[in-house]
PDB file of N, CA and C in Angstrom:
ATOM      1  N   MET A   1       0.799  -1.144  -0.048  1.00  0.00           N
ATOM      2  CA  MET A   1      -0.055  -0.031  -0.032  1.00  0.00           C
ATOM      3  C   MET A   1       0.890   1.246  -0.016  1.00  0.00           C
ATOM      4  N   ASN A   2       0.722   2.073  -1.042  1.00  0.00           N
ATOM      5  CA  ASN A   2       1.467   3.278  -1.135  1.00  0.00           C
ATOM      6  C   ASN A   2       0.747   4.278  -0.358  1.00  0.00           C
ATOM      7  N   ARG A   3       1.376   5.132   0.484  1.00  0.00           N
ATOM      8  CA  ARG A   3       0.766   6.131   1.136  1.00  0.00           C
ATOM      9  C   ARG A   3       0.578   7.422   0.379  1.00  0.00           C
ATOM     10  N   ASN A   4       1.279   7.482  -0.832  1.00  0.00           N
ATOM     11  CA  ASN A   4       1.305   8.587  -1.549  1.00  0.00           C
ATOM     12  C   ASN A   4      -0.024   8.554  -2.408  1.00  0.00           C
ATOM     13  N   VAL A   5      -0.671   7.379  -2.597  1.00  0.00           N
ATOM     14  CA  VAL A   5      -1.987   7.264  -3.405  1.00  0.00           C
ATOM     15  C   VAL A   5      -3.025   7.967  -2.488  1.00  0.00           C
ATOM     16  N   SER A   6      -3.823   8.816  -3.285  1.00  0.00           N
ATOM     17  CA  SER A   6      -4.832   9.524  -2.636  1.00  0.00           C
ATOM     18  C   SER A   6      -6.122   8.718  -2.330  1.00  0.00           C
ATOM     19  N   TYR A   7      -6.956   9.149  -1.467  1.00  0.00           N
ATOM     20  CA  TYR A   7      -8.164   8.306  -1.136  1.00  0.00           C
ATOM     21  C   TYR A   7      -9.102   8.365  -2.318  1.00  0.00           C
ATOM     22  N   THR A   8      -9.015   9.370  -3.066  1.00  0.00           N
ATOM     23  CA  THR A   8     -10.034   9.346  -4.251  1.00  0.00           C
ATOM     24  C   THR A   8      -9.649   8.388  -5.352  1.00  0.00           C
ATOM     25  N   GLU A   9      -8.137   8.339  -5.478  1.00  0.00           N
ATOM     26  CA  GLU A   9      -7.836   7.424  -6.503  1.00  0.00           C
ATOM     27  C   GLU A   9      -8.108   5.882  -6.103  1.00  0.00           C
ATOM     28  N   VAL A  10      -7.980   5.640  -4.797  1.00  0.00           N
ATOM     29  CA  VAL A  10      -8.284   4.267  -4.355  1.00  0.00           C
ATOM     30  C   VAL A  10      -9.807   4.057  -4.465  1.00  0.00           C
ATOM     31  N   MET A  11     -10.575   4.964  -4.188  1.00  0.00           N
ATOM     32  CA  MET A  11     -11.983   4.795  -4.317  1.00  0.00           C
ATOM     33  C   MET A  11     -12.419   4.562  -5.648  1.00  0.00           C
ATOM     34  N   ASP A  12     -11.855   5.275  -6.701  1.00  0.00           N
ATOM     35  CA  ASP A  12     -12.102   5.066  -8.010  1.00  0.00           C
ATOM     36  C   ASP A  12     -11.760   3.611  -8.444  1.00  0.00           C
ATOM     37  N   GLU A  13     -10.663   3.133  -8.207  1.00  0.00           N
ATOM     38  CA  GLU A  13     -10.119   1.803  -8.531  1.00  0.00           C
ATOM     39  C   GLU A  13     -11.155   0.715  -7.831  1.00  0.00           C
ATOM     40  N   VAL A  14     -11.666   1.038  -6.749  1.00  0.00           N
ATOM     41  CA  VAL A  14     -12.588   0.167  -6.100  1.00  0.00           C
ATOM     42  C   VAL A  14     -13.859   0.154  -6.735  1.00  0.00           C
ATOM     43  N   MET A  15     -14.284   1.345  -7.061  1.00  0.00           N
ATOM     44  CA  MET A  15     -15.608   1.366  -7.873  1.00  0.00           C
ATOM     45  C   MET A  15     -15.455   0.724  -9.159  1.00  0.00           C
ATOM     46  N   VAL A  16     -14.384   0.789  -9.943  1.00  0.00           N
ATOM     47  CA  VAL A  16     -14.267   0.240 -11.142  1.00  0.00           C
ATOM     48  C   VAL A  16     -14.248  -1.376 -11.008  1.00  0.00           C
ATOM     49  N   LEU A  17     -13.506  -1.864  -9.953  1.00  0.00           N
ATOM     50  CA  LEU A  17     -13.491  -3.161  -9.712  1.00  0.00           C
ATOM     51  C   LEU A  17     -14.824  -3.837  -9.288  1.00  0.00           C
ATOM     52  N   PHE A  18     -15.614  -2.940  -8.557  1.00  0.00           N
ATOM     53  CA  PHE A  18     -16.958  -3.331  -8.147  1.00  0.00           C
ATOM     54  C   PHE A  18     -17.816  -3.324  -9.297  1.00  0.00           C
ATOM     55  N   ALA A  19     -17.770  -2.455 -10.258  1.00  0.00           N
ATOM     56  CA  ALA A  19     -18.610  -2.510 -11.414  1.00  0.00           C
ATOM     57  C   ALA A  19     -18.272  -3.643 -12.321  1.00  0.00           C
ATOM     58  N   VAL A  20     -16.916  -3.990 -12.414  1.00  0.00           N
ATOM     59  CA  VAL A  20     -16.599  -5.249 -13.218  1.00  0.00           C
ATOM     60  C   VAL A  20     -17.133  -6.504 -12.643  1.00  0.00           C
ATOM     61  N   LEU A  21     -17.058  -6.561 -11.286  1.00  0.00           N
ATOM     62  CA  LEU A  21     -17.625  -7.770 -10.644  1.00  0.00           C
ATOM     63  C   LEU A  21     -19.142  -7.817 -10.893  1.00  0.00           C
ATOM     64  N   VAL A  22     -19.790  -6.811 -10.718  1.00  0.00           N
ATOM     65  CA  VAL A  22     -21.284  -6.765 -10.969  1.00  0.00           C
ATOM     66  C   VAL A  22     -21.677  -7.186 -12.281  1.00  0.00           C
ATOM     67  N   VAL A  23     -20.993  -6.689 -13.312  1.00  0.00           N
ATOM     68  CA  VAL A  23     -21.156  -7.183 -14.847  1.00  0.00           C
ATOM     69  C   VAL A  23     -20.883  -8.607 -14.883  1.00  0.00           C
ATOM     70  N   ILE A  24     -19.833  -9.106 -14.301  1.00  0.00           N
ATOM     71  CA  ILE A  24     -19.611 -10.577 -14.463  1.00  0.00           C
ATOM     72  C   ILE A  24     -20.605 -11.270 -13.857  1.00  0.00           C
ATOM     73  N   LEU A  25     -21.020 -10.948 -12.670  1.00  0.00           N
ATOM     74  CA  LEU A  25     -22.046 -11.726 -12.006  1.00  0.00           C
ATOM     75  C   LEU A  25     -23.351 -11.700 -12.835  1.00  0.00           C
ATOM     76  N   LEU A  26     -23.708 -10.565 -13.402  1.00  0.00           N
ATOM     77  CA  LEU A  26     -24.949 -10.562 -14.210  1.00  0.00           C
ATOM     78  C   LEU A  26     -24.870 -11.501 -15.389  1.00  0.00           C
ATOM     79  N   ILE A  27     -23.680 -11.437 -16.020  1.00  0.00           N
ATOM     80  CA  ILE A  27     -23.497 -12.365 -17.204  1.00  0.00           C
ATOM     81  C   ILE A  27     -23.661 -13.831 -16.779  1.00  0.00           C
ATOM     82  N   LEU A  28     -23.024 -14.225 -15.638  1.00  0.00           N
ATOM     83  CA  LEU A  28     -23.021 -15.565 -15.158  1.00  0.00           C
ATOM     84  C   LEU A  28     -24.502 -15.946 -14.853  1.00  0.00           C
ATOM     85  N   ILE A  29     -25.248 -15.002 -14.181  1.00  0.00           N
ATOM     86  CA  ILE A  29     -26.726 -15.261 -13.871  1.00  0.00           C
ATOM     87  C   ILE A  29     -27.552 -15.528 -15.074  1.00  0.00           C
ATOM     88  N   ALA A  30     -27.094 -14.677 -16.083  1.00  0.00           N
ATOM     89  CA  ALA A  30     -27.905 -14.872 -17.402  1.00  0.00           C
ATOM     90  C   ALA A  30     -27.593 -16.231 -18.049  1.00  0.00           C
ATOM     91  N   ILE A  31     -26.351 -16.596 -17.989  1.00  0.00           N
ATOM     92  CA  ILE A  31     -25.924 -17.911 -18.481  1.00  0.00           C
ATOM     93  C   ILE A  31     -26.592 -19.074 -17.837  1.00  0.00           C
ATOM     94  N   LEU A  32     -26.595 -18.922 -16.509  1.00  0.00           N
ATOM     95  CA  LEU A  32     -27.121 -20.032 -15.703  1.00  0.00           C
ATOM     96  C   LEU A  32     -28.681 -20.124 -15.851  1.00  0.00           C
ATOM     97  N   ARG A  33     -29.293 -18.960 -16.088  1.00  0.00           N
ATOM     98  CA  ARG A  33     -30.787 -19.047 -16.299  1.00  0.00           C
ATOM     99  C   ARG A  33     -31.096 -19.667 -17.621  1.00  0.00           C
ATOM    100  N   SER A  34     -30.267 -19.364 -18.684  1.00  0.00           N
ATOM    101  CA  SER A  34     -30.505 -19.954 -19.956  1.00  0.00           C
ATOM    102  C   SER A  34     -30.342 -21.461 -19.827  1.00  0.00           C
ATOM    103  N   PHE A  35     -29.324 -21.959 -19.135  1.00  0.00           N
ATOM    104  CA  PHE A  35     -29.038 -23.361 -19.045  1.00  0.00           C
ATOM    105  C   PHE A  35     -30.185 -23.927 -18.289  1.00  0.00           C
ATOM    106  N   ASP A  36     -30.683 -23.324 -17.186  1.00  0.00           N
ATOM    107  CA  ASP A  36     -31.738 -23.906 -16.319  1.00  0.00           C
ATOM    108  C   ASP A  36     -32.938 -24.108 -17.219  1.00  0.00           C
ATOM    109  N   GLN A  37     -33.353 -23.016 -18.078  1.00  0.00           N
ATOM    110  CA  GLN A  37     -34.470 -23.133 -18.918  1.00  0.00           C
ATOM    111  C   GLN A  37     -34.358 -24.252 -19.844  1.00  0.00           C
ATOM    112  N   ALA A  38     -33.264 -24.335 -20.480  1.00  0.00           N
ATOM    113  CA  ALA A  38     -32.958 -25.514 -21.434  1.00  0.00           C
ATOM    114  C   ALA A  38     -33.223 -26.895 -20.649  1.00  0.00           C
ATOM    115  N   GLU A  39     -32.599 -26.998 -19.481  1.00  0.00           N
ATOM    116  CA  GLU A  39     -32.803 -28.212 -18.890  1.00  0.00           C
ATOM    117  C   GLU A  39     -34.173 -28.443 -18.335  1.00  0.00           C
ATOM    118  N   LEU A  40     -34.967 -27.475 -17.994  1.00  0.00           N
ATOM    119  CA  LEU A  40     -36.342 -27.632 -17.618  1.00  0.00           C
ATOM    120  C   LEU A  40     -37.127 -28.113 -18.729  1.00  0.00           C
ATOM    121  N   THR A  41     -37.020 -27.492 -19.862  1.00  0.00           N
ATOM    122  CA  THR A  41     -37.853 -27.818 -20.949  1.00  0.00           C
ATOM    123  C   THR A  41     -37.601 -29.155 -21.545  1.00  0.00           C
ATOM    124  N   HIS A  42     -36.308 -29.608 -21.403  1.00  0.00           N
ATOM    125  CA  HIS A  42     -35.878 -30.885 -22.177  1.00  0.00           C
ATOM    126  C   HIS A  42     -35.749 -32.091 -21.255  1.00  0.00           C
ATOM    127  N   THR A  43     -35.221 -31.829 -20.027  1.00  0.00           N
ATOM    128  CA  THR A  43     -34.766 -33.109 -19.376  1.00  0.00           C
ATOM    129  C   THR A  43     -35.554 -33.205 -17.979  1.00  0.00           C
ATOM    130  N   ARG A  44     -35.805 -32.106 -17.178  1.00  0.00           N
ATOM    131  CA  ARG A  44     -36.098 -32.260 -15.881  1.00  0.00           C
ATOM    132  C   ARG A  44     -37.478 -31.774 -15.341  1.00  0.00           C
ATOM    133  N   PRO A  45     -38.479 -31.663 -16.161  1.00  0.00           N
ATOM    134  CA  PRO A  45     -39.795 -31.150 -15.723  1.00  0.00           C
ATOM    135  C   PRO A  45     -40.335 -32.176 -14.703  1.00  0.00           C
ATOM    136  N   SER A  46     -40.213 -33.492 -14.859  1.00  0.00           N
ATOM    137  CA  SER A  46     -40.945 -34.389 -13.903  1.00  0.00           C
ATOM    138  C   SER A  46     -40.175 -34.515 -12.553  1.00  0.00           C
ATOM    139  N   VAL A  47     -38.930 -33.936 -12.539  1.00  0.00           N
ATOM    140  CA  VAL A  47     -38.194 -34.082 -11.319  1.00  0.00           C
ATOM    141  C   VAL A  47     -38.530 -32.852 -10.513  1.00  0.00           C
ATOM    142  N   LEU A  48     -38.613 -31.524 -11.163  1.00  0.00           N
ATOM    143  CA  LEU A  48     -38.684 -30.324 -10.357  1.00  0.00           C
ATOM    144  C   LEU A  48     -40.119 -30.048 -10.010  1.00  0.00           C
ATOM    145  N   ILE A  49     -41.144 -30.445 -10.653  1.00  0.00           N
ATOM    146  CA  ILE A  49     -42.442 -30.007 -10.479  1.00  0.00           C
ATOM    147  C   ILE A  49     -42.994 -30.710  -9.157  1.00  0.00           C
ATOM    148  N   PRO A  50     -42.671 -31.911  -8.807  1.00  0.00           N
ATOM    149  CA  PRO A  50     -43.132 -32.462  -7.583  1.00  0.00           C
ATOM    150  C   PRO A  50     -42.341 -31.778  -6.325  1.00  0.00           C
ATOM    151  N   ILE A  51     -41.200 -31.277  -6.541  1.00  0.00           N
ATOM    152  CA  ILE A  51     -40.390 -30.570  -5.454  1.00  0.00           C
ATOM    153  C   ILE A  51     -41.341 -29.205  -5.195  1.00  0.00           C
ATOM    154  N   ARG A  52     -41.538 -28.470  -6.149  1.00  0.00           N
ATOM    155  CA  ARG A  52     -42.273 -27.190  -6.079  1.00  0.00           C
ATOM    156  C   ARG A  52     -43.720 -27.480  -5.450  1.00  0.00           C
ATOM    157  N   THR A  53     -44.417 -28.523  -5.812  1.00  0.00           N
ATOM    158  CA  THR A  53     -45.739 -28.656  -5.277  1.00  0.00           C
ATOM    159  C   THR A  53     -45.644 -29.049  -3.816  1.00  0.00           C
ATOM    160  N   SER A  54     -44.632 -29.844  -3.511  1.00  0.00           N
ATOM    161  CA  SER A  54     -44.493 -30.341  -2.051  1.00  0.00           C
ATOM    162  C   SER A  54     -44.051 -29.227  -1.234  1.00  0.00           C
ATOM    163  N   GLN A  55     -43.314 -28.154  -1.723  1.00  0.00           N
ATOM    164  CA  GLN A  55     -43.049 -27.023  -0.919  1.00  0.00           C
ATOM    165  C   GLN A  55     -44.204 -26.056  -0.739  1.00  0.00           C
ATOM    166  N   ASP A  56     -45.147 -26.074  -1.783  1.00  0.00           N
ATOM    167  CA  ASP A  56     -46.278 -25.156  -1.691  1.00  0.00           C
ATOM    168  C   ASP A  56     -47.389 -25.729  -0.849  1.00  0.00           C
ATOM    169  N   ASP A  57     -47.522 -27.086  -0.749  1.00  0.00           N
ATOM    170  CA  ASP A  57     -48.624 -27.612  -0.017  1.00  0.00           C
ATOM    171  C   ASP A  57     -48.739 -27.295   1.499  1.00  0.00           C
ATOM    172  N   PRO A  58     -47.625 -27.192   2.313  1.00  0.00           N
ATOM    173  CA  PRO A  58     -47.725 -26.942   3.639  1.00  0.00           C
ATOM    174  C   PRO A  58     -48.194 -25.563   3.918  1.00  0.00           C
ATOM    175  N   ASP A  59     -47.876 -24.614   2.951  1.00  0.00           N
ATOM    176  CA  ASP A  59     -48.370 -23.250   3.266  1.00  0.00           C
ATOM    177  C   ASP A  59     -49.999 -23.109   3.233  1.00  0.00           C
ATOM    178  N   HIS A  60     -50.560 -24.071   2.336  1.00  0.00           N
ATOM    179  CA  HIS A  60     -52.059 -24.052   2.272  1.00  0.00           C
ATOM    180  C   HIS A  60     -52.589 -25.118   3.336  1.00  0.00           C
TER     181      HIS A  60
END
């Protein structure tokens, strides 16, 4: 850590890194959602539907 670096410069770098991380997370979430929808429509509807109904029944 250099003590010559000002607080505003450090905050600018932190904000840039935070923005990059947010963008990466959004991209990963979008990719995972697209994979989940593909799996739901093709392979796993019979597995996930009973899980959802069993979670919904105790509430009613």
